[in-house]
Amino acid sequence: MTANNIITPRRREDFFDLAGEPTLRFIRWIELVTQQTNLTTNDIESNSIADNYTWQVGEEEKKVTAVTASSDYTAKPFDFVNAINGSAVTFPLNPKEDDLIIVRNGDGSTITLSGNGKNMNGSATGELTVEGTAIEFYYFIDSDEWFAR
């Protein structure tokens, strides 16, 4: 058996500190998960879910708010939007340098994205059609555009 096959049980401190706050390891794990595309998702019990998580962006820590959007939704900076039911996600009207929006297709419906007057990777609009797909968008003021990562 090689070292790659050893499974180490997770310790509570790996994802949350003693105060119950998410650790940088947890945030990196979330980033990894959002970059992957899969064909399954967990059922969402409530459309009013909104939780704050600390997210490392550049040198500063920002609060990311998790929101489930089951109808058209205008995102705020540092929103993690789990979009369902064919909703449309509109980006903030006046973004600031390094603002972040994460959009995830939660159910496989066609999720429409609008830059709200700003381009997103060269386009004013876009779509997410594959269930589980999540894209991070960062706003760059020099080019006045949202770029996907």
N, C-alpha and C. Protein backbone atom coordinates (compact mmCIF):
# COMPACT_ATOMS: atom_id res chain seq x y z
N MET A 1 0.85 -1.17 0.00
CA MET A 1 0.00 0.00 0.00
C MET A 1 0.90 1.24 0.00
N THR A 2 0.59 2.15 -0.89
CA THR A 2 1.37 3.38 -0.95
C THR A 2 0.76 4.42 -0.02
N ALA A 3 1.52 5.46 0.22
CA ALA A 3 1.05 6.53 1.11
C ALA A 3 -0.20 7.22 0.55
N ASN A 4 -0.39 7.18 -0.77
CA ASN A 4 -1.56 7.82 -1.37
C ASN A 4 -2.86 7.09 -1.03
N ASN A 5 -2.77 5.82 -0.63
CA ASN A 5 -3.96 5.05 -0.34
C ASN A 5 -4.36 5.08 1.13
N ILE A 6 -3.62 5.76 1.96
CA ILE A 6 -3.94 5.82 3.38
C ILE A 6 -5.02 6.87 3.60
N ILE A 7 -6.06 6.48 4.29
CA ILE A 7 -7.14 7.41 4.60
C ILE A 7 -6.97 7.87 6.04
N THR A 8 -6.85 9.17 6.22
CA THR A 8 -6.69 9.74 7.54
C THR A 8 -8.03 10.32 7.97
N PRO A 9 -8.54 9.90 9.12
CA PRO A 9 -9.82 10.46 9.56
C PRO A 9 -9.71 11.97 9.80
N ARG A 10 -10.78 12.68 9.46
CA ARG A 10 -10.81 14.12 9.63
C ARG A 10 -10.97 14.46 11.11
N ARG A 11 -10.22 15.47 11.55
CA ARG A 11 -10.35 15.98 12.91
C ARG A 11 -11.28 17.20 12.85
N ARG A 12 -12.03 17.42 13.90
CA ARG A 12 -12.95 18.55 13.94
C ARG A 12 -12.22 19.87 13.65
N GLU A 13 -11.01 20.02 14.15
CA GLU A 13 -10.26 21.26 13.96
C GLU A 13 -9.84 21.49 12.52
N ASP A 14 -9.96 20.47 11.67
CA ASP A 14 -9.56 20.63 10.28
C ASP A 14 -10.47 21.60 9.53
N PHE A 15 -11.77 21.59 9.80
CA PHE A 15 -12.70 22.41 9.06
C PHE A 15 -13.24 23.58 9.88
N PHE A 16 -13.28 23.44 11.20
CA PHE A 16 -13.80 24.51 12.05
C PHE A 16 -12.87 24.69 13.24
N ASP A 17 -12.65 25.95 13.64
CA ASP A 17 -11.83 26.18 14.82
C ASP A 17 -12.68 26.01 16.08
N LEU A 18 -12.08 26.23 17.24
CA LEU A 18 -12.79 26.01 18.50
C LEU A 18 -13.99 26.93 18.68
N ALA A 19 -13.97 28.08 17.99
CA ALA A 19 -15.09 29.01 18.07
C ALA A 19 -16.20 28.66 17.07
N GLY A 20 -15.98 27.59 16.29
CA GLY A 20 -16.97 27.18 15.31
C GLY A 20 -16.85 27.88 13.97
N GLU A 21 -15.81 28.69 13.79
CA GLU A 21 -15.59 29.40 12.53
C GLU A 21 -14.89 28.48 11.54
N PRO A 22 -15.21 28.61 10.22
CA PRO A 22 -14.54 27.77 9.22
C PRO A 22 -13.05 28.12 9.13
N THR A 23 -12.23 27.09 8.95
CA THR A 23 -10.79 27.29 8.82
C THR A 23 -10.43 27.51 7.35
N LEU A 24 -9.20 27.96 7.10
CA LEU A 24 -8.72 28.16 5.75
C LEU A 24 -8.76 26.84 4.98
N ARG A 25 -8.50 25.73 5.65
CA ARG A 25 -8.56 24.41 5.00
C ARG A 25 -9.97 24.14 4.49
N PHE A 26 -10.98 24.48 5.29
CA PHE A 26 -12.37 24.30 4.87
C PHE A 26 -12.68 25.18 3.67
N ILE A 27 -12.25 26.43 3.70
CA ILE A 27 -12.49 27.36 2.60
C ILE A 27 -11.85 26.83 1.33
N ARG A 28 -10.63 26.33 1.42
CA ARG A 28 -9.96 25.76 0.23
C ARG A 28 -10.71 24.54 -0.28
N TRP A 29 -11.26 23.73 0.65
CA TRP A 29 -12.02 22.56 0.24
C TRP A 29 -13.28 23.00 -0.52
N ILE A 30 -13.95 24.04 -0.02
CA ILE A 30 -15.14 24.57 -0.69
C ILE A 30 -14.77 25.05 -2.09
N GLU A 31 -13.64 25.77 -2.23
CA GLU A 31 -13.20 26.22 -3.54
C GLU A 31 -12.99 25.04 -4.48
N LEU A 32 -12.36 23.98 -3.97
CA LEU A 32 -12.12 22.79 -4.79
C LEU A 32 -13.44 22.18 -5.24
N VAL A 33 -14.39 22.07 -4.33
CA VAL A 33 -15.67 21.47 -4.66
C VAL A 33 -16.41 22.32 -5.70
N THR A 34 -16.35 23.65 -5.57
CA THR A 34 -17.07 24.51 -6.51
C THR A 34 -16.44 24.51 -7.89
N GLN A 35 -15.20 24.09 -8.01
CA GLN A 35 -14.54 24.04 -9.31
C GLN A 35 -14.86 22.75 -10.05
N GLN A 36 -15.42 21.78 -9.38
CA GLN A 36 -15.73 20.50 -9.99
C GLN A 36 -17.15 20.52 -10.52
N THR A 37 -17.35 19.79 -11.58
CA THR A 37 -18.68 19.64 -12.14
C THR A 37 -19.14 18.21 -11.89
N ASN A 38 -20.34 18.07 -11.36
CA ASN A 38 -20.88 16.74 -11.16
C ASN A 38 -22.34 16.74 -11.59
N LEU A 39 -22.94 15.60 -11.54
CA LEU A 39 -24.32 15.48 -11.99
C LEU A 39 -25.29 15.21 -10.85
N THR A 40 -24.85 15.42 -9.61
CA THR A 40 -25.74 15.22 -8.48
C THR A 40 -25.70 16.43 -7.58
N THR A 41 -26.73 16.57 -6.76
CA THR A 41 -26.77 17.65 -5.78
C THR A 41 -27.66 17.20 -4.63
N ASN A 42 -27.47 17.77 -3.49
CA ASN A 42 -28.34 17.48 -2.36
C ASN A 42 -29.64 18.27 -2.50
N ASP A 43 -30.73 17.71 -2.01
CA ASP A 43 -31.99 18.45 -2.02
C ASP A 43 -31.86 19.66 -1.11
N ILE A 44 -32.48 20.74 -1.50
CA ILE A 44 -32.45 21.97 -0.72
C ILE A 44 -33.77 22.07 0.03
N GLU A 45 -33.70 22.15 1.33
CA GLU A 45 -34.90 22.15 2.16
C GLU A 45 -35.57 23.52 2.21
N SER A 46 -34.80 24.59 2.12
CA SER A 46 -35.36 25.92 2.31
C SER A 46 -34.78 26.88 1.29
N ASN A 47 -35.61 27.75 0.77
CA ASN A 47 -35.14 28.76 -0.18
C ASN A 47 -34.61 30.00 0.53
N SER A 48 -34.65 30.02 1.84
CA SER A 48 -34.22 31.21 2.57
C SER A 48 -32.91 30.98 3.31
N ILE A 49 -32.12 30.01 2.84
CA ILE A 49 -30.85 29.71 3.50
C ILE A 49 -29.87 30.84 3.22
N ALA A 50 -29.26 31.39 4.25
CA ALA A 50 -28.23 32.41 4.09
C ALA A 50 -27.29 32.30 5.29
N ASP A 51 -26.06 31.92 5.03
CA ASP A 51 -25.06 31.78 6.08
C ASP A 51 -23.81 32.55 5.69
N ASN A 52 -23.09 33.06 6.67
CA ASN A 52 -21.84 33.77 6.41
C ASN A 52 -20.65 32.87 6.68
N TYR A 53 -19.67 32.91 5.80
CA TYR A 53 -18.42 32.17 5.95
C TYR A 53 -17.27 33.10 5.63
N THR A 54 -16.18 32.97 6.36
CA THR A 54 -15.00 33.77 6.06
C THR A 54 -14.33 33.17 4.84
N TRP A 55 -13.97 34.01 3.89
CA TRP A 55 -13.38 33.55 2.63
C TRP A 55 -12.11 34.38 2.39
N GLN A 56 -11.01 33.74 2.14
CA GLN A 56 -9.75 34.45 1.91
C GLN A 56 -9.74 34.97 0.48
N VAL A 57 -9.66 36.29 0.32
CA VAL A 57 -9.59 36.92 -0.99
C VAL A 57 -8.43 37.90 -0.94
N GLY A 58 -7.37 37.60 -1.68
CA GLY A 58 -6.19 38.45 -1.64
C GLY A 58 -5.61 38.47 -0.24
N GLU A 59 -5.29 39.63 0.25
CA GLU A 59 -4.69 39.78 1.58
C GLU A 59 -5.75 39.87 2.68
N GLU A 60 -6.99 40.14 2.29
CA GLU A 60 -8.03 40.35 3.29
C GLU A 60 -8.96 39.15 3.39
N GLU A 61 -9.61 39.03 4.51
CA GLU A 61 -10.67 38.04 4.65
C GLU A 61 -12.00 38.75 4.43
N LYS A 62 -12.84 38.16 3.61
CA LYS A 62 -14.16 38.72 3.33
C LYS A 62 -15.20 37.71 3.79
N LYS A 63 -16.37 38.18 4.07
CA LYS A 63 -17.48 37.30 4.42
C LYS A 63 -18.22 36.92 3.14
N VAL A 64 -18.38 35.63 2.91
CA VAL A 64 -19.16 35.14 1.78
C VAL A 64 -20.51 34.70 2.32
N THR A 65 -21.56 35.15 1.68
CA THR A 65 -22.91 34.80 2.10
C THR A 65 -23.47 33.76 1.15
N ALA A 66 -23.90 32.63 1.69
CA ALA A 66 -24.51 31.57 0.89
C ALA A 66 -26.00 31.85 0.78
N VAL A 67 -26.51 31.89 -0.45
CA VAL A 67 -27.90 32.21 -0.71
C VAL A 67 -28.45 31.22 -1.74
N THR A 68 -29.64 30.70 -1.51
CA THR A 68 -30.32 29.89 -2.52
C THR A 68 -31.34 30.78 -3.22
N ALA A 69 -31.21 30.88 -4.55
CA ALA A 69 -32.12 31.71 -5.35
C ALA A 69 -33.02 30.80 -6.17
N SER A 70 -34.32 30.81 -5.86
CA SER A 70 -35.27 30.00 -6.62
C SER A 70 -36.06 30.85 -7.62
N SER A 71 -35.78 32.15 -7.64
CA SER A 71 -36.35 33.06 -8.63
C SER A 71 -35.27 34.07 -8.97
N ASP A 72 -35.58 35.05 -9.79
CA ASP A 72 -34.57 36.03 -10.19
C ASP A 72 -33.96 36.70 -8.97
N TYR A 73 -32.64 36.89 -9.03
CA TYR A 73 -31.91 37.37 -7.85
C TYR A 73 -30.79 38.32 -8.29
N THR A 74 -30.66 39.45 -7.62
CA THR A 74 -29.54 40.36 -7.85
C THR A 74 -28.51 40.10 -6.77
N ALA A 75 -27.35 39.62 -7.19
CA ALA A 75 -26.29 39.24 -6.26
C ALA A 75 -25.65 40.46 -5.64
N LYS A 76 -25.14 40.26 -4.45
CA LYS A 76 -24.35 41.26 -3.75
C LYS A 76 -22.89 40.80 -3.77
N PRO A 77 -21.94 41.71 -3.61
CA PRO A 77 -20.55 41.27 -3.56
C PRO A 77 -20.35 40.19 -2.50
N PHE A 78 -19.60 39.16 -2.85
CA PHE A 78 -19.25 38.04 -1.98
C PHE A 78 -20.45 37.15 -1.66
N ASP A 79 -21.38 37.03 -2.63
CA ASP A 79 -22.47 36.07 -2.54
C ASP A 79 -22.04 34.75 -3.15
N PHE A 80 -22.43 33.65 -2.52
CA PHE A 80 -22.35 32.31 -3.11
C PHE A 80 -23.79 31.94 -3.40
N VAL A 81 -24.19 32.04 -4.68
CA VAL A 81 -25.58 31.87 -5.07
C VAL A 81 -25.79 30.45 -5.59
N ASN A 82 -26.62 29.69 -4.91
CA ASN A 82 -27.05 28.37 -5.37
C ASN A 82 -28.37 28.60 -6.11
N ALA A 83 -28.28 28.68 -7.44
CA ALA A 83 -29.44 29.05 -8.26
C ALA A 83 -30.20 27.81 -8.70
N ILE A 84 -31.53 27.86 -8.56
CA ILE A 84 -32.40 26.74 -8.95
C ILE A 84 -33.62 27.28 -9.68
N ASN A 85 -34.42 26.37 -10.23
CA ASN A 85 -35.70 26.71 -10.87
C ASN A 85 -35.58 27.68 -12.04
N GLY A 86 -34.48 27.61 -12.79
CA GLY A 86 -34.32 28.47 -13.96
C GLY A 86 -34.21 29.94 -13.62
N SER A 87 -33.69 30.24 -12.45
CA SER A 87 -33.59 31.65 -12.03
C SER A 87 -32.54 32.40 -12.84
N ALA A 88 -32.65 33.71 -12.81
CA ALA A 88 -31.67 34.60 -13.44
C ALA A 88 -30.89 35.28 -12.32
N VAL A 89 -29.57 35.27 -12.43
CA VAL A 89 -28.72 35.91 -11.44
C VAL A 89 -28.11 37.15 -12.10
N THR A 90 -28.41 38.31 -11.53
CA THR A 90 -27.88 39.58 -12.02
C THR A 90 -26.77 40.02 -11.09
N PHE A 91 -25.64 40.42 -11.66
CA PHE A 91 -24.49 40.84 -10.86
C PHE A 91 -24.71 42.26 -10.33
N PRO A 92 -23.95 42.67 -9.31
CA PRO A 92 -24.12 44.01 -8.72
C PRO A 92 -23.91 45.11 -9.76
N LEU A 93 -24.67 46.19 -9.60
CA LEU A 93 -24.60 47.31 -10.54
C LEU A 93 -23.27 48.06 -10.45
N ASN A 94 -22.77 48.30 -9.25
CA ASN A 94 -21.53 49.07 -9.06
C ASN A 94 -20.51 48.26 -8.28
N PRO A 95 -19.88 47.27 -8.93
CA PRO A 95 -18.91 46.45 -8.21
C PRO A 95 -17.64 47.21 -7.90
N LYS A 96 -16.92 46.71 -6.91
CA LYS A 96 -15.62 47.28 -6.53
C LYS A 96 -14.52 46.29 -6.91
N GLU A 97 -13.31 46.78 -7.02
CA GLU A 97 -12.15 45.95 -7.34
C GLU A 97 -12.12 44.71 -6.46
N ASP A 98 -11.93 43.56 -7.07
CA ASP A 98 -11.80 42.26 -6.39
C ASP A 98 -13.09 41.75 -5.76
N ASP A 99 -14.25 42.33 -6.09
CA ASP A 99 -15.50 41.74 -5.63
C ASP A 99 -15.62 40.34 -6.21
N LEU A 100 -16.28 39.47 -5.49
CA LEU A 100 -16.40 38.07 -5.86
C LEU A 100 -17.87 37.68 -5.85
N ILE A 101 -18.30 36.95 -6.89
CA ILE A 101 -19.63 36.35 -6.94
C ILE A 101 -19.40 34.89 -7.36
N ILE A 102 -19.99 33.96 -6.63
CA ILE A 102 -19.93 32.55 -7.01
C ILE A 102 -21.34 32.12 -7.34
N VAL A 103 -21.51 31.51 -8.50
CA VAL A 103 -22.84 31.05 -8.91
C VAL A 103 -22.76 29.55 -9.17
N ARG A 104 -23.72 28.81 -8.60
CA ARG A 104 -23.79 27.35 -8.76
C ARG A 104 -25.16 26.98 -9.30
N ASN A 105 -25.18 26.06 -10.27
CA ASN A 105 -26.43 25.52 -10.77
C ASN A 105 -26.84 24.39 -9.84
N GLY A 106 -27.89 24.60 -9.07
CA GLY A 106 -28.28 23.65 -8.04
C GLY A 106 -29.21 22.54 -8.49
N ASP A 107 -29.80 22.65 -9.70
CA ASP A 107 -30.77 21.62 -10.07
C ASP A 107 -30.76 21.23 -11.54
N GLY A 108 -29.86 21.75 -12.34
CA GLY A 108 -29.78 21.35 -13.75
C GLY A 108 -30.67 22.17 -14.68
N SER A 109 -31.43 23.12 -14.14
CA SER A 109 -32.21 24.01 -15.00
C SER A 109 -31.25 25.02 -15.64
N THR A 110 -31.73 25.78 -16.60
CA THR A 110 -30.89 26.79 -17.23
C THR A 110 -30.88 28.04 -16.37
N ILE A 111 -29.71 28.36 -15.83
CA ILE A 111 -29.52 29.54 -14.98
C ILE A 111 -28.92 30.64 -15.85
N THR A 112 -29.60 31.77 -15.94
CA THR A 112 -29.14 32.88 -16.77
C THR A 112 -28.34 33.85 -15.91
N LEU A 113 -27.21 34.30 -16.44
CA LEU A 113 -26.35 35.26 -15.75
C LEU A 113 -26.35 36.57 -16.52
N SER A 114 -26.41 37.68 -15.79
CA SER A 114 -26.34 39.01 -16.40
C SER A 114 -25.30 39.83 -15.67
N GLY A 115 -24.42 40.45 -16.45
CA GLY A 115 -23.37 41.29 -15.88
C GLY A 115 -23.86 42.65 -15.43
N ASN A 116 -25.14 42.97 -15.66
CA ASN A 116 -25.72 44.24 -15.21
C ASN A 116 -24.93 45.43 -15.75
N GLY A 117 -24.64 45.40 -17.06
CA GLY A 117 -23.89 46.48 -17.70
C GLY A 117 -22.40 46.21 -17.79
N LYS A 118 -21.92 45.18 -17.16
CA LYS A 118 -20.50 44.79 -17.22
C LYS A 118 -20.41 43.45 -17.96
N ASN A 119 -19.34 43.27 -18.70
CA ASN A 119 -19.13 41.99 -19.36
C ASN A 119 -18.63 40.95 -18.37
N MET A 120 -18.90 39.70 -18.71
CA MET A 120 -18.40 38.54 -17.97
C MET A 120 -17.59 37.74 -18.97
N ASN A 121 -16.28 37.79 -18.87
CA ASN A 121 -15.40 37.12 -19.84
C ASN A 121 -15.77 37.52 -21.27
N GLY A 122 -16.05 38.80 -21.50
CA GLY A 122 -16.31 39.31 -22.84
C GLY A 122 -17.76 39.26 -23.29
N SER A 123 -18.66 38.75 -22.46
CA SER A 123 -20.08 38.63 -22.83
C SER A 123 -20.96 39.32 -21.80
N ALA A 124 -22.04 39.94 -22.25
CA ALA A 124 -22.95 40.63 -21.33
C ALA A 124 -23.80 39.65 -20.53
N THR A 125 -24.06 38.46 -21.10
CA THR A 125 -24.87 37.45 -20.43
C THR A 125 -24.22 36.08 -20.56
N GLY A 126 -24.72 35.14 -19.80
CA GLY A 126 -24.23 33.77 -19.87
C GLY A 126 -25.24 32.82 -19.28
N GLU A 127 -24.93 31.52 -19.37
CA GLU A 127 -25.83 30.51 -18.83
C GLU A 127 -25.03 29.41 -18.15
N LEU A 128 -25.62 28.85 -17.11
CA LEU A 128 -25.12 27.62 -16.48
C LEU A 128 -26.22 26.58 -16.68
N THR A 129 -25.89 25.47 -17.34
CA THR A 129 -26.93 24.49 -17.64
C THR A 129 -26.68 23.13 -17.01
N VAL A 130 -25.49 22.88 -16.51
CA VAL A 130 -25.16 21.57 -15.96
C VAL A 130 -25.30 21.61 -14.44
N GLU A 131 -26.08 20.70 -13.90
CA GLU A 131 -26.30 20.62 -12.46
C GLU A 131 -24.97 20.44 -11.72
N GLY A 132 -24.77 21.23 -10.68
CA GLY A 132 -23.57 21.14 -9.86
C GLY A 132 -22.44 22.03 -10.31
N THR A 133 -22.54 22.62 -11.51
CA THR A 133 -21.50 23.52 -11.99
C THR A 133 -21.48 24.79 -11.16
N ALA A 134 -20.29 25.19 -10.75
CA ALA A 134 -20.14 26.44 -9.99
C ALA A 134 -18.99 27.23 -10.59
N ILE A 135 -19.18 28.53 -10.73
CA ILE A 135 -18.15 29.40 -11.30
C ILE A 135 -17.94 30.59 -10.37
N GLU A 136 -16.68 30.92 -10.13
CA GLU A 136 -16.31 32.11 -9.36
C GLU A 136 -16.05 33.24 -10.35
N PHE A 137 -16.64 34.39 -10.10
CA PHE A 137 -16.41 35.57 -10.92
C PHE A 137 -15.76 36.65 -10.04
N TYR A 138 -14.66 37.22 -10.53
CA TYR A 138 -13.95 38.30 -9.85
C TYR A 138 -14.06 39.54 -10.71
N TYR A 139 -14.31 40.68 -10.08
CA TYR A 139 -14.42 41.93 -10.81
C TYR A 139 -13.06 42.64 -10.83
N PHE A 140 -12.64 43.04 -12.04
CA PHE A 140 -11.40 43.79 -12.22
C PHE A 140 -11.74 45.17 -12.73
N ILE A 141 -11.43 46.17 -11.92
CA ILE A 141 -11.83 47.53 -12.25
C ILE A 141 -11.07 48.07 -13.46
N ASP A 142 -9.82 47.66 -13.67
CA ASP A 142 -9.02 48.16 -14.80
C ASP A 142 -9.69 47.85 -16.14
N SER A 143 -10.29 46.68 -16.24
CA SER A 143 -10.96 46.32 -17.49
C SER A 143 -12.47 46.45 -17.39
N ASP A 144 -12.97 46.84 -16.19
CA ASP A 144 -14.40 47.01 -15.95
C ASP A 144 -15.17 45.77 -16.39
N GLU A 145 -14.70 44.61 -15.90
CA GLU A 145 -15.27 43.34 -16.35
C GLU A 145 -15.15 42.28 -15.25
N TRP A 146 -16.11 41.33 -15.26
CA TRP A 146 -16.07 40.16 -14.40
C TRP A 146 -15.32 39.06 -15.13
N PHE A 147 -14.39 38.41 -14.45
CA PHE A 147 -13.66 37.30 -15.04
C PHE A 147 -13.91 36.03 -14.24
N ALA A 148 -14.17 34.94 -14.96
CA ALA A 148 -14.42 33.65 -14.33
C ALA A 148 -13.11 32.98 -13.99
N ARG A 149 -13.15 32.25 -12.90
CA ARG A 149 -11.97 31.49 -12.49
C ARG A 149 -12.36 30.03 -12.39
